[in-house]
PDB file of N, CA and C in Angstrom:
ATOM      1  N   MET A   1     -14.305  21.264 155.475  1.00  0.00           N
ATOM      2  CA  MET A   1     -14.149  22.069 154.275  1.00  0.00           C
ATOM      3  C   MET A   1     -15.147  21.574 153.232  1.00  0.00           C
ATOM      4  N   ILE A   2     -15.823  22.494 152.618  1.00  0.00           N
ATOM      5  CA  ILE A   2     -16.865  22.143 151.645  1.00  0.00           C
ATOM      6  C   ILE A   2     -16.293  21.499 150.390  1.00  0.00           C
ATOM      7  N   GLY A   3     -15.102  21.893 149.993  1.00  0.00           N
ATOM      8  CA  GLY A   3     -14.494  21.337 148.781  1.00  0.00           C
ATOM      9  C   GLY A   3     -14.235  19.843 148.880  1.00  0.00           C
ATOM     10  N   GLY A   4     -13.730  19.410 150.011  1.00  0.00           N
ATOM     11  CA  GLY A   4     -13.473  17.987 150.223  1.00  0.00           C
ATOM     12  C   GLY A   4     -14.764  17.188 150.227  1.00  0.00           C
ATOM     13  N   LYS A   5     -15.783  17.732 150.858  1.00  0.00           N
ATOM     14  CA  LYS A   5     -17.087  17.069 150.900  1.00  0.00           C
ATOM     15  C   LYS A   5     -17.688  16.989 149.499  1.00  0.00           C
ATOM     16  N   LEU A   6     -17.560  18.069 148.743  1.00  0.00           N
ATOM     17  CA  LEU A   6     -18.066  18.091 147.375  1.00  0.00           C
ATOM     18  C   LEU A   6     -17.408  16.998 146.535  1.00  0.00           C
ATOM     19  N   LYS A   7     -16.091  16.899 146.624  1.00  0.00           N
ATOM     20  CA  LYS A   7     -15.374  15.894 145.839  1.00  0.00           C
ATOM     21  C   LYS A   7     -15.752  14.480 146.265  1.00  0.00           C
ATOM     22  N   THR A   8     -15.870  14.263 147.560  1.00  0.00           N
ATOM     23  CA  THR A   8     -16.259  12.943 148.060  1.00  0.00           C
ATOM     24  C   THR A   8     -17.632  12.540 147.529  1.00  0.00           C
ATOM     25  N   LEU A   9     -18.597  13.437 147.622  1.00  0.00           N
ATOM     26  CA  LEU A   9     -19.945  13.136 147.143  1.00  0.00           C
ATOM     27  C   LEU A   9     -19.967  12.950 145.629  1.00  0.00           C
ATOM     28  N   ARG A  10     -19.220  13.787 144.921  1.00  0.00           N
ATOM     29  CA  ARG A  10     -19.181  13.693 143.455  1.00  0.00           C
ATOM     30  C   ARG A  10     -18.632  12.334 143.019  1.00  0.00           C
ATOM     31  N   THR A  11     -17.517  11.933 143.593  1.00  0.00           N
ATOM     32  CA  THR A  11     -16.908  10.670 143.187  1.00  0.00           C
ATOM     33  C   THR A  11     -17.726   9.469 143.668  1.00  0.00           C
ATOM     34  N   LYS A  12     -18.319   9.574 144.841  1.00  0.00           N
ATOM     35  CA  LYS A  12     -19.156   8.493 145.361  1.00  0.00           C
ATOM     36  C   LYS A  12     -20.342   8.234 144.432  1.00  0.00           C
ATOM     37  N   ARG A  13     -20.865   9.295 143.853  1.00  0.00           N
ATOM     38  CA  ARG A  13     -22.011   9.158 142.941  1.00  0.00           C
ATOM     39  C   ARG A  13     -21.594   8.912 141.494  1.00  0.00           C
ATOM     40  N   GLY A  14     -20.295   8.880 141.256  1.00  0.00           N
ATOM     41  CA  GLY A  14     -19.785   8.525 139.937  1.00  0.00           C
ATOM     42  C   GLY A  14     -19.847   9.634 138.902  1.00  0.00           C
ATOM     43  N   PHE A  15     -19.917  10.889 139.356  1.00  0.00           N
ATOM     44  CA  PHE A  15     -19.958  12.022 138.436  1.00  0.00           C
ATOM     45  C   PHE A  15     -18.556  12.535 138.146  1.00  0.00           C
ATOM     46  N   SER A  16     -18.315  12.887 136.902  1.00  0.00           N
ATOM     47  CA  SER A  16     -17.087  13.607 136.566  1.00  0.00           C
ATOM     48  C   SER A  16     -17.338  15.083 136.893  1.00  0.00           C
ATOM     49  N   ILE A  17     -16.267  15.864 136.873  1.00  0.00           N
ATOM     50  CA  ILE A  17     -16.436  17.307 137.088  1.00  0.00           C
ATOM     51  C   ILE A  17     -17.340  17.886 136.002  1.00  0.00           C
ATOM     52  N   ASN A  18     -17.165  17.421 134.771  1.00  0.00           N
ATOM     53  CA  ASN A  18     -17.998  17.911 133.667  1.00  0.00           C
ATOM     54  C   ASN A  18     -19.480  17.627 133.904  1.00  0.00           C
ATOM     55  N   GLU A  19     -19.777  16.409 134.323  1.00  0.00           N
ATOM     56  CA  GLU A  19     -21.177  16.031 134.555  1.00  0.00           C
ATOM     57  C   GLU A  19     -21.792  16.851 135.681  1.00  0.00           C
ATOM     58  N   LEU A  20     -21.058  17.007 136.774  1.00  0.00           N
ATOM     59  CA  LEU A  20     -21.583  17.768 137.904  1.00  0.00           C
ATOM     60  C   LEU A  20     -21.786  19.233 137.524  1.00  0.00           C
ATOM     61  N   ALA A  21     -20.834  19.783 136.797  1.00  0.00           N
ATOM     62  CA  ALA A  21     -20.954  21.178 136.373  1.00  0.00           C
ATOM     63  C   ALA A  21     -22.188  21.370 135.500  1.00  0.00           C
ATOM     64  N   ARG A  22     -22.430  20.454 134.607  1.00  0.00           N
ATOM     65  CA  ARG A  22     -23.603  20.541 133.729  1.00  0.00           C
ATOM     66  C   ARG A  22     -24.896  20.446 134.546  1.00  0.00           C
ATOM     67  N   LYS A  23     -24.955  19.503 135.479  1.00  0.00           N
ATOM     68  CA  LYS A  23     -26.151  19.321 136.302  1.00  0.00           C
ATOM     69  C   LYS A  23     -26.388  20.514 137.228  1.00  0.00           C
ATOM     70  N   ALA A  24     -25.311  21.091 137.749  1.00  0.00           N
ATOM     71  CA  ALA A  24     -25.420  22.221 138.672  1.00  0.00           C
ATOM     72  C   ALA A  24     -25.510  23.568 137.956  1.00  0.00           C
ATOM     73  N   LYS A  25     -25.333  23.538 136.634  1.00  0.00           N
ATOM     74  CA  LYS A  25     -25.391  24.750 135.814  1.00  0.00           C
ATOM     75  C   LYS A  25     -24.334  25.778 136.236  1.00  0.00           C
ATOM     76  N   VAL A  26     -23.117  25.258 136.465  1.00  0.00           N
ATOM     77  CA  VAL A  26     -21.961  26.104 136.755  1.00  0.00           C
ATOM     78  C   VAL A  26     -20.816  25.629 135.858  1.00  0.00           C
ATOM     79  N   SER A  27     -19.737  26.380 135.835  1.00  0.00           N
ATOM     80  CA  SER A  27     -18.603  25.995 134.986  1.00  0.00           C
ATOM     81  C   SER A  27     -17.789  24.869 135.624  1.00  0.00           C
ATOM     82  N   LYS A  28     -17.051  24.160 134.767  1.00  0.00           N
ATOM     83  CA  LYS A  28     -16.154  23.108 135.250  1.00  0.00           C
ATOM     84  C   LYS A  28     -15.099  23.698 136.180  1.00  0.00           C
ATOM     85  N   SER A  29     -14.606  24.873 135.818  1.00  0.00           N
ATOM     86  CA  SER A  29     -13.558  25.488 136.640  1.00  0.00           C
ATOM     87  C   SER A  29     -14.086  25.857 138.023  1.00  0.00           C
ATOM     88  N   TYR A  30     -15.352  26.241 138.105  1.00  0.00           N
ATOM     89  CA  TYR A  30     -15.936  26.574 139.410  1.00  0.00           C
ATOM     90  C   TYR A  30     -15.944  25.339 140.317  1.00  0.00           C
ATOM     91  N   ILE A  31     -16.354  24.191 139.778  1.00  0.00           N
ATOM     92  CA  ILE A  31     -16.349  22.949 140.553  1.00  0.00           C
ATOM     93  C   ILE A  31     -14.921  22.610 140.981  1.00  0.00           C
ATOM     94  N   SER A  32     -13.989  22.731 140.050  1.00  0.00           N
ATOM     95  CA  SER A  32     -12.589  22.438 140.341  1.00  0.00           C
ATOM     96  C   SER A  32     -12.049  23.368 141.426  1.00  0.00           C
ATOM     97  N   TYR A  33     -12.344  24.658 141.320  1.00  0.00           N
ATOM     98  CA  TYR A  33     -11.895  25.620 142.330  1.00  0.00           C
ATOM     99  C   TYR A  33     -12.479  25.277 143.700  1.00  0.00           C
ATOM    100  N   MET A  34     -13.754  24.881 143.723  1.00  0.00           N
ATOM    101  CA  MET A  34     -14.389  24.519 144.989  1.00  0.00           C
ATOM    102  C   MET A  34     -13.682  23.313 145.612  1.00  0.00           C
ATOM    103  N   GLU A  35     -13.452  22.295 144.798  1.00  0.00           N
ATOM    104  CA  GLU A  35     -12.831  21.077 145.315  1.00  0.00           C
ATOM    105  C   GLU A  35     -11.409  21.307 145.808  1.00  0.00           C
ATOM    106  N   ARG A  36     -10.691  22.200 145.173  1.00  0.00           N
ATOM    107  CA  ARG A  36      -9.298  22.476 145.566  1.00  0.00           C
ATOM    108  C   ARG A  36      -9.187  23.534 146.654  1.00  0.00           C
ATOM    109  N   GLY A  37     -10.321  24.096 147.079  1.00  0.00           N
ATOM    110  CA  GLY A  37     -10.307  25.091 148.146  1.00  0.00           C
ATOM    111  C   GLY A  37      -9.942  26.487 147.695  1.00  0.00           C
ATOM    112  N   LEU A  38      -9.907  26.722 146.378  1.00  0.00           N
ATOM    113  CA  LEU A  38      -9.575  28.047 145.876  1.00  0.00           C
ATOM    114  C   LEU A  38     -10.790  28.980 145.927  1.00  0.00           C
ATOM    115  N   GLN A  39     -11.969  28.404 145.831  1.00  0.00           N
ATOM    116  CA  GLN A  39     -13.222  29.146 145.970  1.00  0.00           C
ATOM    117  C   GLN A  39     -13.800  28.688 147.303  1.00  0.00           C
ATOM    118  N   LYS A  40     -13.627  29.478 148.336  1.00  0.00           N
ATOM    119  CA  LYS A  40     -13.973  29.032 149.681  1.00  0.00           C
ATOM    120  C   LYS A  40     -15.456  29.154 150.002  1.00  0.00           C
ATOM    121  N   THR A  41     -16.111  30.137 149.444  1.00  0.00           N
ATOM    122  CA  THR A  41     -17.513  30.358 149.736  1.00  0.00           C
ATOM    123  C   THR A  41     -18.332  30.186 148.460  1.00  0.00           C
ATOM    124  N   PRO A  42     -19.229  29.190 148.427  1.00  0.00           N
ATOM    125  CA  PRO A  42     -20.033  29.006 147.228  1.00  0.00           C
ATOM    126  C   PRO A  42     -21.016  30.153 147.032  1.00  0.00           C
ATOM    127  N   ARG A  43     -21.289  30.447 145.775  1.00  0.00           N
ATOM    128  CA  ARG A  43     -22.293  31.466 145.479  1.00  0.00           C
ATOM    129  C   ARG A  43     -23.656  30.925 145.843  1.00  0.00           C
ATOM    130  N   LEU A  44     -24.518  31.780 146.346  1.00  0.00           N
ATOM    131  CA  LEU A  44     -25.856  31.371 146.724  1.00  0.00           C
ATOM    132  C   LEU A  44     -26.611  30.794 145.531  1.00  0.00           C
ATOM    133  N   THR A  45     -26.439  31.388 144.367  1.00  0.00           N
ATOM    134  CA  THR A  45     -27.134  30.881 143.182  1.00  0.00           C
ATOM    135  C   THR A  45     -26.680  29.470 142.845  1.00  0.00           C
ATOM    136  N   SER A  46     -25.443  29.140 143.126  1.00  0.00           N
ATOM    137  CA  SER A  46     -24.943  27.779 142.872  1.00  0.00           C
ATOM    138  C   SER A  46     -25.590  26.776 143.808  1.00  0.00           C
ATOM    139  N   LEU A  47     -25.803  27.188 145.025  1.00  0.00           N
ATOM    140  CA  LEU A  47     -26.410  26.282 146.016  1.00  0.00           C
ATOM    141  C   LEU A  47     -27.888  26.044 145.735  1.00  0.00           C
ATOM    142  N   LEU A  48     -28.542  27.007 145.124  1.00  0.00           N
ATOM    143  CA  LEU A  48     -29.977  26.898 144.877  1.00  0.00           C
ATOM    144  C   LEU A  48     -30.304  26.067 143.643  1.00  0.00           C
ATOM    145  N   ASN A  49     -29.330  25.800 142.779  1.00  0.00           N
ATOM    146  CA  ASN A  49     -29.593  25.011 141.551  1.00  0.00           C
ATOM    147  C   ASN A  49     -29.887  23.591 141.843  1.00  0.00           C
TER     148      ASN A  49
END
């Protein structure tokens, strides 16, 4: 699942959800939804940032 991998990488690198959202140019809620599995398929524009 991509959400679990995202959270693992985020925490391993010491980023908060806020920091990752700012760097990825997406909302905090989008990152949270991804990590919790509520947003199952990432938007292509999010992956390209």
